[in-house]
């Protein structure tokens, strides 16, 4: 079974830092775009940052200059380095990935979500 397993969330004080990780596992032929989304209580899920297989990135204006997305293709892992955290960053953070799976000679693309990891920024 294909899985996206997230780690690194927790409780941190304003101004602190956290590093989220998301590792993909399973019968994966190729990983294309990957990204991080977040959802706060009572709000819609929003894109935080995304990265292509070639390493091109984009991020939401609210996190520019504070968050950095990166990936390690050898480890099938995407990271989100979060610095200068603010209370408004509090949310459940979800990893997302476009995966190409191998079924014999067939190559089929799917979109997958991680289980979510809680990030709480509070003094």
N, C-alpha and C. Protein backbone atom coordinates (compact mmCIF):
# COMPACT_ATOMS: atom_id res chain seq x y z
N UNK A 1 0.84 -1.20 0.00
CA UNK A 1 0.00 0.00 0.00
C UNK A 1 0.88 1.25 0.00
N UNK A 2 0.47 2.23 -0.76
CA UNK A 2 1.17 3.50 -0.81
C UNK A 2 0.77 4.32 0.41
N UNK A 3 1.76 4.94 1.04
CA UNK A 3 1.51 5.77 2.20
C UNK A 3 2.35 7.04 2.16
N UNK A 4 1.81 8.11 2.71
CA UNK A 4 2.56 9.31 3.01
C UNK A 4 2.54 9.46 4.53
N UNK A 5 3.70 9.33 5.16
CA UNK A 5 3.80 9.36 6.61
C UNK A 5 4.46 10.66 7.04
N UNK A 6 3.73 11.46 7.83
CA UNK A 6 4.20 12.75 8.27
C UNK A 6 4.75 12.67 9.69
N UNK A 7 5.69 13.56 9.99
CA UNK A 7 6.25 13.67 11.32
C UNK A 7 6.79 15.07 11.53
N UNK A 8 7.04 15.43 12.79
CA UNK A 8 7.68 16.69 13.11
C UNK A 8 6.80 17.76 13.72
N UNK A 9 5.51 17.53 13.78
CA UNK A 9 4.62 18.51 14.38
C UNK A 9 4.77 18.55 15.88
N UNK A 10 4.15 19.56 16.49
CA UNK A 10 4.21 19.69 17.93
C UNK A 10 3.83 21.07 18.40
N UNK A 11 4.14 21.34 19.66
CA UNK A 11 3.86 22.62 20.30
C UNK A 11 5.13 23.44 20.36
N UNK A 12 5.05 24.69 19.92
CA UNK A 12 6.21 25.57 19.91
C UNK A 12 5.77 26.98 20.27
N UNK A 13 6.67 27.74 20.88
CA UNK A 13 6.38 29.13 21.23
C UNK A 13 6.48 30.04 20.01
N UNK A 14 5.78 31.16 20.03
CA UNK A 14 5.94 32.12 18.93
C UNK A 14 7.41 32.49 18.73
N UNK A 15 7.80 32.55 17.45
CA UNK A 15 9.19 32.81 17.11
C UNK A 15 10.04 31.58 16.99
N UNK A 16 9.50 30.44 17.39
CA UNK A 16 10.24 29.20 17.33
C UNK A 16 10.21 28.56 15.95
N UNK A 17 10.79 27.37 15.87
CA UNK A 17 10.91 26.66 14.59
C UNK A 17 10.49 25.21 14.73
N UNK A 18 10.01 24.66 13.63
CA UNK A 18 9.71 23.25 13.50
C UNK A 18 10.07 22.80 12.10
N UNK A 19 10.40 21.53 11.96
CA UNK A 19 10.68 20.95 10.66
C UNK A 19 9.79 19.73 10.45
N UNK A 20 8.91 19.82 9.48
CA UNK A 20 8.02 18.73 9.14
C UNK A 20 8.64 17.85 8.06
N UNK A 21 8.39 16.56 8.15
CA UNK A 21 8.85 15.61 7.16
C UNK A 21 7.68 14.78 6.66
N UNK A 22 7.74 14.38 5.41
CA UNK A 22 6.73 13.52 4.82
C UNK A 22 7.43 12.53 3.90
N UNK A 23 7.35 11.26 4.25
CA UNK A 23 8.02 10.21 3.49
C UNK A 23 7.00 9.35 2.78
N UNK A 24 7.20 9.16 1.49
CA UNK A 24 6.33 8.31 0.69
C UNK A 24 6.91 6.91 0.61
N UNK A 25 6.05 5.91 0.70
CA UNK A 25 6.49 4.52 0.61
C UNK A 25 5.47 3.72 -0.18
N UNK A 26 5.91 2.60 -0.72
CA UNK A 26 5.05 1.74 -1.51
C UNK A 26 5.63 1.48 -2.89
N UNK A 27 4.81 0.92 -3.76
CA UNK A 27 5.24 0.58 -5.11
C UNK A 27 5.15 1.82 -6.00
N UNK A 28 6.06 2.73 -5.79
CA UNK A 28 6.05 4.02 -6.46
C UNK A 28 7.06 4.03 -7.60
N UNK A 29 6.59 4.38 -8.78
CA UNK A 29 7.47 4.51 -9.91
C UNK A 29 8.17 5.87 -9.92
N UNK A 30 7.40 6.91 -9.63
CA UNK A 30 7.93 8.26 -9.68
C UNK A 30 7.06 9.18 -8.84
N UNK A 31 7.68 10.16 -8.20
CA UNK A 31 6.96 11.20 -7.49
C UNK A 31 7.11 12.51 -8.25
N UNK A 32 5.99 13.09 -8.61
CA UNK A 32 6.02 14.37 -9.31
C UNK A 32 5.93 15.51 -8.29
N UNK A 33 4.91 16.36 -8.40
CA UNK A 33 4.80 17.48 -7.48
C UNK A 33 4.47 17.01 -6.07
N UNK A 34 5.01 17.72 -5.07
CA UNK A 34 4.68 17.49 -3.68
C UNK A 34 4.38 18.83 -3.03
N UNK A 35 3.61 18.80 -1.96
CA UNK A 35 3.28 20.05 -1.30
C UNK A 35 2.80 19.87 0.12
N UNK A 36 2.71 21.00 0.80
CA UNK A 36 2.18 21.05 2.15
C UNK A 36 0.96 21.96 2.17
N UNK A 37 -0.10 21.47 2.80
CA UNK A 37 -1.32 22.22 3.03
C UNK A 37 -1.56 22.31 4.52
N UNK A 38 -2.40 23.25 4.93
CA UNK A 38 -2.78 23.32 6.33
C UNK A 38 -4.25 23.70 6.46
N UNK A 39 -4.84 23.29 7.57
CA UNK A 39 -6.23 23.58 7.84
C UNK A 39 -6.39 23.91 9.32
N UNK A 40 -6.83 25.12 9.59
CA UNK A 40 -7.12 25.56 10.95
C UNK A 40 -8.59 25.32 11.24
N UNK A 41 -8.96 25.21 12.53
CA UNK A 41 -10.37 24.99 12.87
C UNK A 41 -11.27 26.07 12.27
N UNK A 42 -12.34 25.64 11.62
CA UNK A 42 -13.29 26.56 11.04
C UNK A 42 -12.87 27.18 9.73
N UNK A 43 -11.73 26.79 9.20
CA UNK A 43 -11.23 27.36 7.96
C UNK A 43 -11.02 26.27 6.91
N UNK A 44 -10.98 26.69 5.66
CA UNK A 44 -10.73 25.76 4.57
C UNK A 44 -9.25 25.41 4.49
N UNK A 45 -8.98 24.25 3.93
CA UNK A 45 -7.60 23.84 3.72
C UNK A 45 -6.95 24.74 2.68
N UNK A 46 -5.71 25.15 2.95
CA UNK A 46 -5.02 26.05 2.06
C UNK A 46 -3.62 25.54 1.74
N UNK A 47 -3.15 25.88 0.56
CA UNK A 47 -1.79 25.52 0.16
C UNK A 47 -0.79 26.38 0.90
N UNK A 48 0.22 25.74 1.48
CA UNK A 48 1.30 26.43 2.16
C UNK A 48 2.50 26.59 1.22
N UNK A 49 2.93 25.49 0.64
CA UNK A 49 4.08 25.50 -0.26
C UNK A 49 4.05 24.26 -1.13
N UNK A 50 4.64 24.35 -2.31
CA UNK A 50 4.70 23.23 -3.23
C UNK A 50 6.07 23.18 -3.89
N UNK A 51 6.44 21.99 -4.34
CA UNK A 51 7.73 21.80 -5.00
C UNK A 51 7.57 20.76 -6.10
N UNK A 52 8.16 21.03 -7.26
CA UNK A 52 8.10 20.11 -8.37
C UNK A 52 9.21 19.07 -8.26
N UNK A 53 9.15 18.07 -9.13
CA UNK A 53 10.18 17.04 -9.13
C UNK A 53 11.55 17.62 -9.47
N UNK A 54 11.56 18.73 -10.20
CA UNK A 54 12.81 19.39 -10.55
C UNK A 54 13.32 20.37 -9.53
N UNK A 55 12.54 20.61 -8.47
CA UNK A 55 12.99 21.48 -7.39
C UNK A 55 12.45 22.89 -7.42
N UNK A 56 11.61 23.23 -8.39
CA UNK A 56 10.99 24.55 -8.40
C UNK A 56 9.97 24.66 -7.28
N UNK A 57 9.92 25.81 -6.62
CA UNK A 57 9.05 25.98 -5.46
C UNK A 57 8.17 27.20 -5.58
N UNK A 58 7.07 27.17 -4.85
CA UNK A 58 6.25 28.35 -4.62
C UNK A 58 5.62 28.21 -3.24
N UNK A 59 5.24 29.34 -2.66
CA UNK A 59 4.67 29.32 -1.33
C UNK A 59 3.64 30.42 -1.18
N UNK A 60 2.79 30.27 -0.18
CA UNK A 60 1.78 31.27 0.11
C UNK A 60 2.44 32.55 0.61
N UNK A 61 1.81 33.68 0.30
CA UNK A 61 2.36 34.96 0.74
C UNK A 61 2.51 35.03 2.25
N UNK A 62 1.62 34.38 2.98
CA UNK A 62 1.63 34.46 4.43
C UNK A 62 2.85 33.78 5.06
N UNK A 63 3.53 32.93 4.30
CA UNK A 63 4.68 32.21 4.87
C UNK A 63 5.99 32.53 4.16
N UNK A 64 5.94 33.34 3.13
CA UNK A 64 7.15 33.71 2.41
C UNK A 64 8.17 34.35 3.34
N UNK A 65 9.40 33.91 3.22
CA UNK A 65 10.47 34.41 4.07
C UNK A 65 10.59 33.70 5.39
N UNK A 66 9.61 32.87 5.73
CA UNK A 66 9.63 32.14 6.99
C UNK A 66 9.68 30.62 6.80
N UNK A 67 8.95 30.12 5.81
CA UNK A 67 8.89 28.68 5.56
C UNK A 67 9.66 28.34 4.29
N UNK A 68 10.29 27.18 4.29
CA UNK A 68 11.02 26.69 3.13
C UNK A 68 10.67 25.24 2.87
N UNK A 69 10.25 24.94 1.66
CA UNK A 69 9.97 23.57 1.27
C UNK A 69 11.16 23.01 0.51
N UNK A 70 11.45 21.74 0.74
CA UNK A 70 12.54 21.07 0.04
C UNK A 70 12.21 19.59 -0.09
N UNK A 71 13.00 18.88 -0.88
CA UNK A 71 12.76 17.45 -1.04
C UNK A 71 14.07 16.71 -1.24
N UNK A 72 14.03 15.45 -0.86
CA UNK A 72 15.15 14.54 -1.06
C UNK A 72 14.60 13.38 -1.89
N UNK A 73 14.86 13.41 -3.18
CA UNK A 73 14.29 12.41 -4.07
C UNK A 73 14.79 10.99 -3.76
N UNK A 74 16.02 10.88 -3.29
CA UNK A 74 16.56 9.56 -2.95
C UNK A 74 15.81 8.93 -1.78
N UNK A 75 15.24 9.76 -0.92
CA UNK A 75 14.50 9.27 0.24
C UNK A 75 12.99 9.36 0.07
N UNK A 76 12.53 9.82 -1.10
CA UNK A 76 11.10 10.01 -1.35
C UNK A 76 10.46 10.85 -0.24
N UNK A 77 11.14 11.91 0.14
CA UNK A 77 10.72 12.70 1.28
C UNK A 77 10.66 14.19 0.93
N UNK A 78 9.65 14.86 1.44
CA UNK A 78 9.52 16.30 1.32
C UNK A 78 9.54 16.89 2.73
N UNK A 79 10.14 18.08 2.86
CA UNK A 79 10.29 18.73 4.15
C UNK A 79 9.66 20.12 4.11
N UNK A 80 9.28 20.59 5.28
CA UNK A 80 8.85 21.97 5.44
C UNK A 80 9.55 22.53 6.66
N UNK A 81 10.52 23.41 6.43
CA UNK A 81 11.20 24.09 7.52
C UNK A 81 10.41 25.34 7.85
N UNK A 82 9.95 25.44 9.09
CA UNK A 82 9.11 26.55 9.52
C UNK A 82 9.85 27.35 10.59
N UNK A 83 10.17 28.58 10.27
CA UNK A 83 10.86 29.48 11.19
C UNK A 83 9.96 30.66 11.53
N UNK A 84 10.32 31.36 12.59
CA UNK A 84 9.57 32.55 13.02
C UNK A 84 8.08 32.27 13.10
N UNK A 85 7.73 31.19 13.74
CA UNK A 85 6.34 30.76 13.78
C UNK A 85 5.47 31.74 14.55
N UNK A 86 4.24 31.89 14.06
CA UNK A 86 3.26 32.78 14.65
C UNK A 86 2.04 31.99 15.10
N UNK A 87 1.27 32.52 16.04
CA UNK A 87 0.05 31.81 16.47
C UNK A 87 -0.89 31.49 15.31
N UNK A 88 -0.96 32.35 14.31
CA UNK A 88 -1.83 32.10 13.18
C UNK A 88 -1.36 30.96 12.28
N UNK A 89 -0.16 30.44 12.53
CA UNK A 89 0.30 29.25 11.83
C UNK A 89 -0.27 27.97 12.42
N UNK A 90 -0.93 28.07 13.54
CA UNK A 90 -1.51 26.90 14.19
C UNK A 90 -2.53 26.24 13.27
N UNK A 91 -2.34 24.96 12.99
CA UNK A 91 -3.20 24.22 12.09
C UNK A 91 -2.75 22.77 12.04
N UNK A 92 -3.56 21.94 11.40
CA UNK A 92 -3.13 20.61 11.02
C UNK A 92 -2.48 20.72 9.65
N UNK A 93 -1.27 20.24 9.53
CA UNK A 93 -0.53 20.32 8.28
C UNK A 93 -0.56 18.97 7.57
N UNK A 94 -0.90 19.01 6.29
CA UNK A 94 -1.05 17.81 5.49
C UNK A 94 -0.06 17.78 4.34
N UNK A 95 0.59 16.66 4.18
CA UNK A 95 1.45 16.43 3.02
C UNK A 95 0.60 15.95 1.86
N UNK A 96 0.96 16.36 0.66
CA UNK A 96 0.27 15.93 -0.55
C UNK A 96 1.30 15.61 -1.63
N UNK A 97 1.01 14.58 -2.42
CA UNK A 97 1.95 14.19 -3.46
C UNK A 97 1.24 13.61 -4.66
N UNK A 98 1.72 13.94 -5.84
CA UNK A 98 1.30 13.30 -7.08
C UNK A 98 2.26 12.16 -7.36
N UNK A 99 1.75 10.94 -7.31
CA UNK A 99 2.56 9.75 -7.47
C UNK A 99 2.22 9.02 -8.75
N UNK A 100 3.22 8.45 -9.39
CA UNK A 100 3.04 7.55 -10.51
C UNK A 100 3.33 6.15 -10.03
N UNK A 101 2.33 5.28 -10.10
CA UNK A 101 2.47 3.91 -9.63
C UNK A 101 2.66 2.97 -10.80
N UNK A 102 3.37 1.88 -10.55
CA UNK A 102 3.63 0.88 -11.57
C UNK A 102 2.71 -0.32 -11.39
N UNK A 103 1.99 -0.67 -12.44
CA UNK A 103 1.15 -1.86 -12.48
C UNK A 103 1.55 -2.66 -13.71
N UNK A 104 2.52 -3.55 -13.54
CA UNK A 104 3.09 -4.24 -14.68
C UNK A 104 3.73 -3.23 -15.61
N UNK A 105 3.28 -3.21 -16.85
CA UNK A 105 3.81 -2.26 -17.81
C UNK A 105 3.08 -0.93 -17.79
N UNK A 106 2.03 -0.82 -16.98
CA UNK A 106 1.23 0.39 -16.92
C UNK A 106 1.80 1.36 -15.90
N UNK A 107 1.65 2.65 -16.18
CA UNK A 107 2.05 3.72 -15.27
C UNK A 107 0.84 4.62 -15.07
N UNK A 108 0.38 4.68 -13.82
CA UNK A 108 -0.86 5.38 -13.51
C UNK A 108 -0.60 6.41 -12.41
N UNK A 109 -1.08 7.63 -12.62
CA UNK A 109 -0.89 8.69 -11.66
C UNK A 109 -2.02 8.78 -10.65
N UNK A 110 -1.66 9.05 -9.40
CA UNK A 110 -2.62 9.23 -8.32
C UNK A 110 -2.18 10.38 -7.44
N UNK A 111 -3.14 10.99 -6.79
CA UNK A 111 -2.86 12.02 -5.79
C UNK A 111 -3.13 11.45 -4.41
N UNK A 112 -2.18 11.64 -3.47
CA UNK A 112 -2.29 11.09 -2.13
C UNK A 112 -2.11 12.17 -1.08
N UNK A 113 -2.75 11.94 0.06
CA UNK A 113 -2.65 12.82 1.22
C UNK A 113 -2.05 12.07 2.40
N UNK A 114 -1.25 12.78 3.18
CA UNK A 114 -0.78 12.25 4.45
C UNK A 114 -1.86 12.33 5.50
N UNK A 115 -1.57 11.80 6.68
CA UNK A 115 -2.57 11.72 7.74
C UNK A 115 -2.76 13.04 8.48
N UNK A 116 -1.86 13.97 8.31
CA UNK A 116 -1.92 15.24 9.00
C UNK A 116 -1.11 15.23 10.28
N UNK A 117 -0.46 16.35 10.57
CA UNK A 117 0.28 16.50 11.81
C UNK A 117 -0.04 17.87 12.41
N UNK A 118 -0.30 17.90 13.71
CA UNK A 118 -0.72 19.12 14.39
C UNK A 118 0.47 20.01 14.69
N UNK A 119 0.35 21.27 14.32
CA UNK A 119 1.31 22.30 14.69
C UNK A 119 0.58 23.35 15.51
N UNK A 120 1.04 23.56 16.74
CA UNK A 120 0.43 24.53 17.62
C UNK A 120 1.48 25.55 18.05
N UNK A 121 1.21 26.82 17.79
CA UNK A 121 2.11 27.90 18.15
C UNK A 121 1.44 28.73 19.23
N UNK A 122 1.96 28.65 20.44
CA UNK A 122 1.32 29.31 21.58
C UNK A 122 2.34 29.55 22.68
N UNK A 123 2.16 30.65 23.40
CA UNK A 123 2.98 30.94 24.55
C UNK A 123 2.34 30.46 25.84
